[in-house]
C-alpha atoms as a PDB file:
ATOM      1  CA  MET A   1     -62.224  62.850  62.859  1.00  0.00           C
ATOM      2  CA  TYR A   2     -62.950  60.235  59.622  1.00  0.00           C
ATOM      3  CA  ASN A   3     -60.598  57.808  59.722  1.00  0.00           C
ATOM      4  CA  PHE A   4     -58.852  58.230  56.055  1.00  0.00           C
ATOM      5  CA  CYS A   5     -56.281  55.639  56.332  1.00  0.00           C
ATOM      6  CA  GLU A   6     -59.133  53.124  56.729  1.00  0.00           C
ATOM      7  CA  PHE A   7     -61.564  55.043  53.404  1.00  0.00           C
ATOM      8  CA  ALA A   8     -58.141  54.396  51.670  1.00  0.00           C
ATOM      9  CA  GLU A   9     -58.404  50.701  52.214  1.00  0.00           C
ATOM     10  CA  ARG A  10     -62.349  50.302  52.131  1.00  0.00           C
ATOM     11  CA  PRO A  11     -63.407  49.205  48.325  1.00  0.00           C
ATOM     12  CA  LEU A  12     -65.851  51.258  46.591  1.00  0.00           C
ATOM     13  CA  PRO A  13     -69.688  49.253  46.770  1.00  0.00           C
ATOM     14  CA  ALA A  14     -71.153  47.880  43.224  1.00  0.00           C
ATOM     15  CA  LEU A  15     -71.565  51.126  41.007  1.00  0.00           C
ATOM     16  CA  THR A  16     -74.069  51.276  38.034  1.00  0.00           C
ATOM     17  CA  VAL A  17     -75.474  54.306  36.066  1.00  0.00           C
ATOM     18  CA  ASP A  18     -79.334  53.237  35.891  1.00  0.00           C
ATOM     19  CA  PRO A  19     -81.911  55.197  34.549  1.00  0.00           C
ATOM     20  CA  LEU A  20     -83.827  57.635  36.775  1.00  0.00           C
ATOM     21  CA  PRO A  21     -87.416  57.752  37.527  1.00  0.00           C
ATOM     22  CA  HIS A  22     -89.749  60.317  36.885  1.00  0.00           C
ATOM     23  CA  LEU A  23     -89.529  61.666  40.545  1.00  0.00           C
ATOM     24  CA  LEU A  24     -91.254  65.335  41.244  1.00  0.00           C
ATOM     25  CA  ALA A  25     -89.621  67.551  43.944  1.00  0.00           C
ATOM     26  CA  SER A  26     -91.643  69.383  46.150  1.00  0.00           C
ATOM     27  CA  PRO A  27     -93.113  72.276  44.205  1.00  0.00           C
ATOM     28  CA  GLY A  28     -92.056  76.263  45.338  1.00  0.00           C
ATOM     29  CA  GLU A  29     -89.239  77.829  45.981  1.00  0.00           C
ATOM     30  CA  GLY A  30     -87.454  75.494  48.548  1.00  0.00           C
ATOM     31  CA  GLU A  31     -83.786  75.991  50.302  1.00  0.00           C
ATOM     32  CA  PRO A  32     -81.849  78.828  48.944  1.00  0.00           C
ATOM     33  CA  LEU A  33     -78.604  78.787  47.427  1.00  0.00           C
ATOM     34  CA  VAL A  34     -75.083  79.637  49.582  1.00  0.00           C
ATOM     35  CA  CYS A  35     -72.408  80.798  48.290  1.00  0.00           C
ATOM     36  CA  LEU A  36     -69.200  78.161  49.173  1.00  0.00           C
ATOM     37  CA  ASP A  37     -66.194  79.731  49.461  1.00  0.00           C
ATOM     38  CA  GLU A  38     -67.189  82.868  51.242  1.00  0.00           C
ATOM     39  CA  ILE A  39     -68.672  81.154  54.176  1.00  0.00           C
ATOM     40  CA  TRP A  40     -67.166  77.393  54.727  1.00  0.00           C
ATOM     41  CA  TYR A  41     -64.620  76.149  56.296  1.00  0.00           C
ATOM     42  CA  ARG A  42     -61.314  74.364  54.087  1.00  0.00           C
ATOM     43  CA  ILE A  43     -63.266  74.803  51.055  1.00  0.00           C
ATOM     44  CA  GLN A  44     -61.809  76.187  48.376  1.00  0.00           C
ATOM     45  CA  ALA A  45     -63.816  77.100  44.889  1.00  0.00           C
ATOM     46  CA  ALA A  46     -62.446  77.461  41.321  1.00  0.00           C
ATOM     47  CA  PRO A  47     -65.005  77.289  39.206  1.00  0.00           C
ATOM     48  CA  ALA A  48     -64.457  75.450  36.010  1.00  0.00           C
ATOM     49  CA  TYR A  49     -67.128  77.400  33.989  1.00  0.00           C
ATOM     50  CA  ALA A  50     -66.679  80.945  34.749  1.00  0.00           C
ATOM     51  CA  ASP A  51     -65.599  82.219  31.299  1.00  0.00           C
ATOM     52  CA  LEU A  52     -69.134  80.445  29.624  1.00  0.00           C
ATOM     53  CA  PRO A  53     -72.201  82.314  28.797  1.00  0.00           C
ATOM     54  CA  GLY A  54     -74.365  83.076  31.811  1.00  0.00           C
ATOM     55  CA  ALA A  55     -71.973  81.779  34.327  1.00  0.00           C
ATOM     56  CA  VAL A  56     -72.185  83.705  37.965  1.00  0.00           C
ATOM     57  CA  GLN A  57     -69.479  84.184  40.424  1.00  0.00           C
ATOM     58  CA  GLY A  58     -68.607  81.403  43.025  1.00  0.00           C
ATOM     59  CA  CYS A  59     -69.970  78.618  43.770  1.00  0.00           C
ATOM     60  CA  TRP A  60     -73.454  77.618  44.959  1.00  0.00           C
ATOM     61  CA  LEU A  61     -75.644  74.850  46.865  1.00  0.00           C
ATOM     62  CA  ARG A  62     -78.547  74.463  48.307  1.00  0.00           C
ATOM     63  CA  ARG A  63     -78.436  74.810  51.808  1.00  0.00           C
ATOM     64  CA  GLY A  64     -78.890  71.480  53.167  1.00  0.00           C
ATOM     65  CA  ALA A  65     -76.242  70.345  50.513  1.00  0.00           C
ATOM     66  CA  ALA A  66     -73.779  73.168  51.760  1.00  0.00           C
ATOM     67  CA  GLU A  67     -74.394  71.831  55.140  1.00  0.00           C
ATOM     68  CA  ARG A  68     -73.343  68.673  54.792  1.00  0.00           C
ATOM     69  CA  LEU A  69     -70.241  69.538  52.797  1.00  0.00           C
ATOM     70  CA  ALA A  70     -69.189  71.956  55.516  1.00  0.00           C
ATOM     71  CA  ALA A  71     -69.527  69.043  57.859  1.00  0.00           C
ATOM     72  CA  VAL A  72     -67.489  66.818  55.597  1.00  0.00           C
ATOM     73  CA  SER A  73     -64.605  69.702  55.271  1.00  0.00           C
ATOM     74  CA  ALA A  74     -64.782  70.613  59.030  1.00  0.00           C
ATOM     75  CA  LEU A  75     -63.618  67.133  60.004  1.00  0.00           C
ATOM     76  CA  LEU A  76     -61.071  66.656  57.674  1.00  0.00           C
ATOM     77  CA  PRO A  77     -57.284  65.759  59.033  1.00  0.00           C
ATOM     78  CA  ASP A  78     -55.155  68.796  59.473  1.00  0.00           C
ATOM     79  CA  GLY A  79     -53.864  69.699  55.776  1.00  0.00           C
ATOM     80  CA  TYR A  80     -56.580  68.160  53.824  1.00  0.00           C
ATOM     81  CA  SER A  81     -59.277  70.487  51.861  1.00  0.00           C
ATOM     82  CA  LEU A  82     -62.221  70.603  49.593  1.00  0.00           C
ATOM     83  CA  LEU A  83     -61.724  71.959  45.655  1.00  0.00           C
ATOM     84  CA  VAL A  84     -65.408  72.787  44.013  1.00  0.00           C
ATOM     85  CA  TYR A  85     -64.980  73.228  40.585  1.00  0.00           C
ATOM     86  CA  ASP A  86     -68.895  73.085  40.167  1.00  0.00           C
ATOM     87  CA  ALA A  87     -72.057  73.361  41.962  1.00  0.00           C
ATOM     88  CA  TRP A  88     -75.718  75.355  40.980  1.00  0.00           C
ATOM     89  CA  ARG A  89     -75.613  75.724  37.229  1.00  0.00           C
ATOM     90  CA  PRO A  90     -78.053  78.158  35.156  1.00  0.00           C
ATOM     91  CA  VAL A  91     -79.685  76.811  32.363  1.00  0.00           C
ATOM     92  CA  ALA A  92     -77.335  78.956  30.038  1.00  0.00           C
ATOM     93  CA  VAL A  93     -74.538  77.103  31.297  1.00  0.00           C
ATOM     94  CA  GLN A  94     -75.794  73.799  31.145  1.00  0.00           C
ATOM     95  CA  GLN A  95     -76.653  74.709  27.378  1.00  0.00           C
ATOM     96  CA  ALA A  96     -72.820  76.274  26.685  1.00  0.00           C
ATOM     97  CA  LEU A  97     -71.550  72.941  28.111  1.00  0.00           C
ATOM     98  CA  TYR A  98     -73.592  70.569  26.151  1.00  0.00           C
ATOM     99  CA  ASP A  99     -73.030  72.483  22.966  1.00  0.00           C
ATOM    100  CA  GLN A 100     -69.555  72.235  23.513  1.00  0.00           C
ATOM    101  CA  TYR A 101     -69.283  69.093  24.195  1.00  0.00           C
ATOM    102  CA  ARG A 102     -71.578  68.039  21.287  1.00  0.00           C
ATOM    103  CA  LYS A 103     -69.343  69.774  18.821  1.00  0.00           C
ATOM    104  CA  GLN A 104     -66.285  67.851  20.212  1.00  0.00           C
ATOM    105  CA  LEU A 105     -68.188  64.558  19.658  1.00  0.00           C
ATOM    106  CA  ARG A 106     -69.480  65.566  16.273  1.00  0.00           C
ATOM    107  CA  LYS A 107     -65.595  66.162  15.362  1.00  0.00           C
ATOM    108  CA  GLU A 108     -64.845  62.351  16.647  1.00  0.00           C
ATOM    109  CA  HIS A 109     -67.528  60.603  15.493  1.00  0.00           C
ATOM    110  CA  PRO A 110     -68.594  62.153  12.288  1.00  0.00           C
ATOM    111  CA  ARG A 111     -70.709  59.515  11.205  1.00  0.00           C
ATOM    112  CA  MET A 112     -72.917  59.230  13.886  1.00  0.00           C
ATOM    113  CA  SER A 113     -76.195  60.577  13.555  1.00  0.00           C
ATOM    114  CA  GLY A 114     -77.787  63.306  16.086  1.00  0.00           C
ATOM    115  CA  ARG A 115     -79.614  61.056  18.053  1.00  0.00           C
ATOM    116  CA  GLN A 116     -76.697  58.776  18.777  1.00  0.00           C
ATOM    117  CA  LEU A 117     -74.715  61.957  19.557  1.00  0.00           C
ATOM    118  CA  ASP A 118     -77.196  63.012  21.661  1.00  0.00           C
ATOM    119  CA  THR A 119     -77.089  59.816  24.130  1.00  0.00           C
ATOM    120  CA  LEU A 120     -73.349  59.625  24.099  1.00  0.00           C
ATOM    121  CA  CYS A 121     -73.380  63.427  25.155  1.00  0.00           C
ATOM    122  CA  ARG A 122     -75.876  62.440  28.007  1.00  0.00           C
ATOM    123  CA  GLU A 123     -73.044  60.043  29.518  1.00  0.00           C
ATOM    124  CA  PHE A 124     -71.301  63.009  30.569  1.00  0.00           C
ATOM    125  CA  VAL A 125     -73.093  66.299  30.537  1.00  0.00           C
ATOM    126  CA  ALA A 126     -77.476  66.460  31.090  1.00  0.00           C
ATOM    127  CA  LEU A 127     -79.575  67.947  28.592  1.00  0.00           C
ATOM    128  CA  PRO A 128     -79.977  71.878  29.534  1.00  0.00           C
ATOM    129  CA  ARG A 129     -83.451  71.892  30.680  1.00  0.00           C
ATOM    130  CA  ALA A 130     -85.235  73.721  33.505  1.00  0.00           C
ATOM    131  CA  ASP A 131     -88.166  70.906  33.753  1.00  0.00           C
ATOM    132  CA  PRO A 132     -89.030  70.296  37.423  1.00  0.00           C
ATOM    133  CA  ILE A 133     -89.753  66.700  37.018  1.00  0.00           C
ATOM    134  CA  ASN A 134     -86.381  66.203  34.893  1.00  0.00           C
ATOM    135  CA  PRO A 135     -84.003  68.642  35.432  1.00  0.00           C
ATOM    136  CA  ALA A 136     -80.525  68.580  34.900  1.00  0.00           C
ATOM    137  CA  PRO A 137     -78.880  68.054  38.198  1.00  0.00           C
ATOM    138  CA  HIS A 138     -76.703  70.814  38.534  1.00  0.00           C
ATOM    139  CA  ALA A 139     -79.400  73.078  37.973  1.00  0.00           C
ATOM    140  CA  THR A 140     -81.303  71.515  41.086  1.00  0.00           C
ATOM    141  CA  GLY A 141     -78.208  73.346  43.502  1.00  0.00           C
ATOM    142  CA  GLY A 142     -77.904  69.510  44.939  1.00  0.00           C
ATOM    143  CA  ALA A 143     -75.027  68.439  42.803  1.00  0.00           C
ATOM    144  CA  VAL A 144     -71.426  69.116  43.337  1.00  0.00           C
ATOM    145  CA  ASP A 145     -67.732  68.394  41.337  1.00  0.00           C
ATOM    146  CA  LEU A 146     -64.923  68.363  43.648  1.00  0.00           C
ATOM    147  CA  THR A 147     -62.072  66.871  44.498  1.00  0.00           C
ATOM    148  CA  LEU A 148     -59.661  66.247  47.701  1.00  0.00           C
ATOM    149  CA  CYS A 149     -56.559  68.519  48.300  1.00  0.00           C
ATOM    150  CA  TYR A 150     -53.861  67.969  50.635  1.00  0.00           C
ATOM    151  CA  GLN A 151     -51.553  71.863  51.906  1.00  0.00           C
ATOM    152  CA  ASN A 152     -53.826  73.266  49.135  1.00  0.00           C
ATOM    153  CA  THR A 153     -52.784  71.079  46.484  1.00  0.00           C
ATOM    154  CA  PRO A 154     -55.206  68.652  44.393  1.00  0.00           C
ATOM    155  CA  LEU A 155     -54.255  64.918  45.111  1.00  0.00           C
ATOM    156  CA  GLU A 156     -53.949  62.545  42.096  1.00  0.00           C
ATOM    157  CA  MET A 157     -57.001  61.231  41.076  1.00  0.00           C
ATOM    158  CA  GLY A 158     -56.519  58.894  37.909  1.00  0.00           C
ATOM    159  CA  SER A 159     -57.850  61.542  35.390  1.00  0.00           C
ATOM    160  CA  ARG A 160     -58.127  65.148  35.484  1.00  0.00           C
ATOM    161  CA  PHE A 161     -61.510  66.874  36.114  1.00  0.00           C
ATOM    162  CA  ASP A 162     -64.126  66.625  33.190  1.00  0.00           C
ATOM    163  CA  ASP A 163     -62.243  63.917  31.835  1.00  0.00           C
ATOM    164  CA  PHE A 164     -64.992  62.784  29.732  1.00  0.00           C
ATOM    165  CA  SER A 165     -63.439  58.895  29.042  1.00  0.00           C
ATOM    166  CA  PRO A 166     -63.618  55.503  31.155  1.00  0.00           C
ATOM    167  CA  LEU A 167     -60.822  56.529  33.410  1.00  0.00           C
ATOM    168  CA  ALA A 168     -63.862  59.204  34.717  1.00  0.00           C
ATOM    169  CA  ARG A 169     -65.336  56.250  35.842  1.00  0.00           C
ATOM    170  CA  THR A 170     -65.270  56.085  40.120  1.00  0.00           C
ATOM    171  CA  ASP A 171     -64.355  52.725  40.502  1.00  0.00           C
ATOM    172  CA  ALA A 172     -62.125  52.819  36.995  1.00  0.00           C
ATOM    173  CA  LEU A 173     -59.091  51.948  38.916  1.00  0.00           C
ATOM    174  CA  GLU A 174     -60.522  49.473  41.628  1.00  0.00           C
ATOM    175  CA  ALA A 175     -59.616  46.373  39.342  1.00  0.00           C
ATOM    176  CA  GLY A 176     -56.101  47.343  39.060  1.00  0.00           C
ATOM    177  CA  PRO A 177     -52.478  47.317  41.272  1.00  0.00           C
ATOM    178  CA  ASP A 178     -52.962  49.439  44.234  1.00  0.00           C
ATOM    179  CA  CYS A 179     -51.762  53.200  43.990  1.00  0.00           C
ATOM    180  CA  ALA A 180     -52.191  56.747  45.075  1.00  0.00           C
ATOM    181  CA  ALA A 181     -55.140  57.366  42.982  1.00  0.00           C
ATOM    182  CA  ARG A 182     -57.151  54.692  43.826  1.00  0.00           C
ATOM    183  CA  ARG A 183     -56.720  55.229  47.805  1.00  0.00           C
ATOM    184  CA  HIS A 184     -57.593  58.671  46.988  1.00  0.00           C
ATOM    185  CA  ARG A 185     -60.971  58.179  44.863  1.00  0.00           C
ATOM    186  CA  ARG A 186     -61.973  55.837  47.499  1.00  0.00           C
ATOM    187  CA  MET A 187     -61.247  58.758  50.571  1.00  0.00           C
ATOM    188  CA  LEU A 188     -63.164  61.206  48.823  1.00  0.00           C
ATOM    189  CA  PHE A 189     -66.294  58.828  47.773  1.00  0.00           C
ATOM    190  CA  TRP A 190     -66.618  57.213  51.596  1.00  0.00           C
ATOM    191  CA  ALA A 191     -66.115  61.097  53.354  1.00  0.00           C
ATOM    192  CA  MET A 192     -68.829  62.201  50.970  1.00  0.00           C
ATOM    193  CA  CYS A 193     -70.935  59.408  51.690  1.00  0.00           C
ATOM    194  CA  SER A 194     -70.727  59.578  55.023  1.00  0.00           C
ATOM    195  CA  ALA A 195     -72.487  62.854  55.135  1.00  0.00           C
ATOM    196  CA  GLY A 196     -75.387  61.638  53.267  1.00  0.00           C
ATOM    197  CA  PHE A 197     -73.891  62.341  49.205  1.00  0.00           C
ATOM    198  CA  VAL A 198     -73.998  60.085  46.970  1.00  0.00           C
ATOM    199  CA  ASN A 199     -71.783  59.719  44.149  1.00  0.00           C
ATOM    200  CA  TYR A 200     -72.496  59.398  40.003  1.00  0.00           C
ATOM    201  CA  PRO A 201     -70.430  56.500  39.104  1.00  0.00           C
ATOM    202  CA  GLY A 202     -69.522  57.670  36.091  1.00  0.00           C
ATOM    203  CA  GLU A 203     -67.338  60.630  37.246  1.00  0.00           C
ATOM    204  CA  TRP A 204     -65.097  60.085  40.763  1.00  0.00           C
ATOM    205  CA  TRP A 205     -65.613  63.778  40.990  1.00  0.00           C
ATOM    206  CA  HIS A 206     -69.583  64.359  41.106  1.00  0.00           C
ATOM    207  CA  PHE A 207     -72.071  63.873  44.054  1.00  0.00           C
ATOM    208  CA  SER A 208     -75.628  64.898  44.870  1.00  0.00           C
ATOM    209  CA  TYR A 209     -77.522  65.416  47.686  1.00  0.00           C
ATOM    210  CA  GLY A 210     -81.528  65.702  47.364  1.00  0.00           C
ATOM    211  CA  ASP A 211     -81.555  65.631  43.420  1.00  0.00           C
ATOM    212  CA  ARG A 212     -83.124  62.709  41.651  1.00  0.00           C
ATOM    213  CA  LEU A 213     -79.771  60.750  41.231  1.00  0.00           C
ATOM    214  CA  TRP A 214     -79.551  61.020  45.506  1.00  0.00           C
ATOM    215  CA  ALA A 215     -83.424  60.177  45.575  1.00  0.00           C
ATOM    216  CA  THR A 216     -82.942  57.046  43.341  1.00  0.00           C
ATOM    217  CA  VAL A 217     -80.111  55.907  45.517  1.00  0.00           C
ATOM    218  CA  GLN A 218     -81.999  56.602  48.701  1.00  0.00           C
ATOM    219  CA  GLN A 219     -85.716  55.514  47.651  1.00  0.00           C
ATOM    220  CA  ARG A 220     -86.797  59.047  48.711  1.00  0.00           C
ATOM    221  CA  GLN A 221     -88.906  61.510  46.572  1.00  0.00           C
ATOM    222  CA  PRO A 222     -86.061  64.061  45.554  1.00  0.00           C
ATOM    223  CA  LEU A 223     -86.005  67.664  48.029  1.00  0.00           C
ATOM    224  CA  TYR A 224     -84.631  69.859  44.910  1.00  0.00           C
ATOM    225  CA  SER A 225     -86.228  70.645  41.814  1.00  0.00           C
ATOM    226  CA  HIS A 226     -84.966  73.235  39.015  1.00  0.00           C
ATOM    227  CA  CYS A 227     -83.440  76.010  40.605  1.00  0.00           C
ATOM    228  CA  ALA A 228     -83.532  79.430  39.021  1.00  0.00           C
ATOM    229  CA  GLY A 229     -81.561  80.805  41.273  1.00  0.00           C
ATOM    230  CA  ALA A 230     -83.184  84.158  41.542  1.00  0.00           C
ATOM    231  CA  GLY A 231     -81.085  87.364  42.877  1.00  0.00           C
ATOM    232  CA  ILE A 232     -77.364  85.811  42.113  1.00  0.00           C
ATOM    233  CA  ARG A 233     -75.403  87.546  39.566  1.00  0.00           C
END
């Protein structure tokens, strides 16, 4: 069983958001997608983008990533569970998210050029592309957005999911006074890392296994490229 008391007191490592190299995953279909909200213990699903064009029912991950998420959930102390907001995304959903956020940024920064808006937008929403060399993280099926719950209630994390602000950074609370949200972020971070996931430093809720972010941190080739999700509705 994870020692969550220890995790809560363990500071986060230095986290940086470095450009990712062009790493190519092995060609072919690879691992299938698995529906998390149907088969895994102590995992709830609350798809955040179910109403967007092209969305599918449920939350899906590649089998290897799903098995590791299941390992985290099975070892949680009594009363704890994981709540998944998002996992694999069809390109249409990624496009809708990108367009939605870019439109919001245009209103907030009317004097910005198109290139500046795109750069700012990509800090939180990846380009919608089915590129085997440089796919959007969620398009690979190896990225998952989630939080930690106690008695089926999401724990305080210091910002809401999809809060595209500096507070979203995983280490945003590290320099401040001790608080419940900082301890909860640490608990989620170390629990996920212990199962082989890596965190995107710009978002406390985003973890990856097998995609380009994971490959960069692990200094390996990625396991997963773009996944079309054939057969999923």
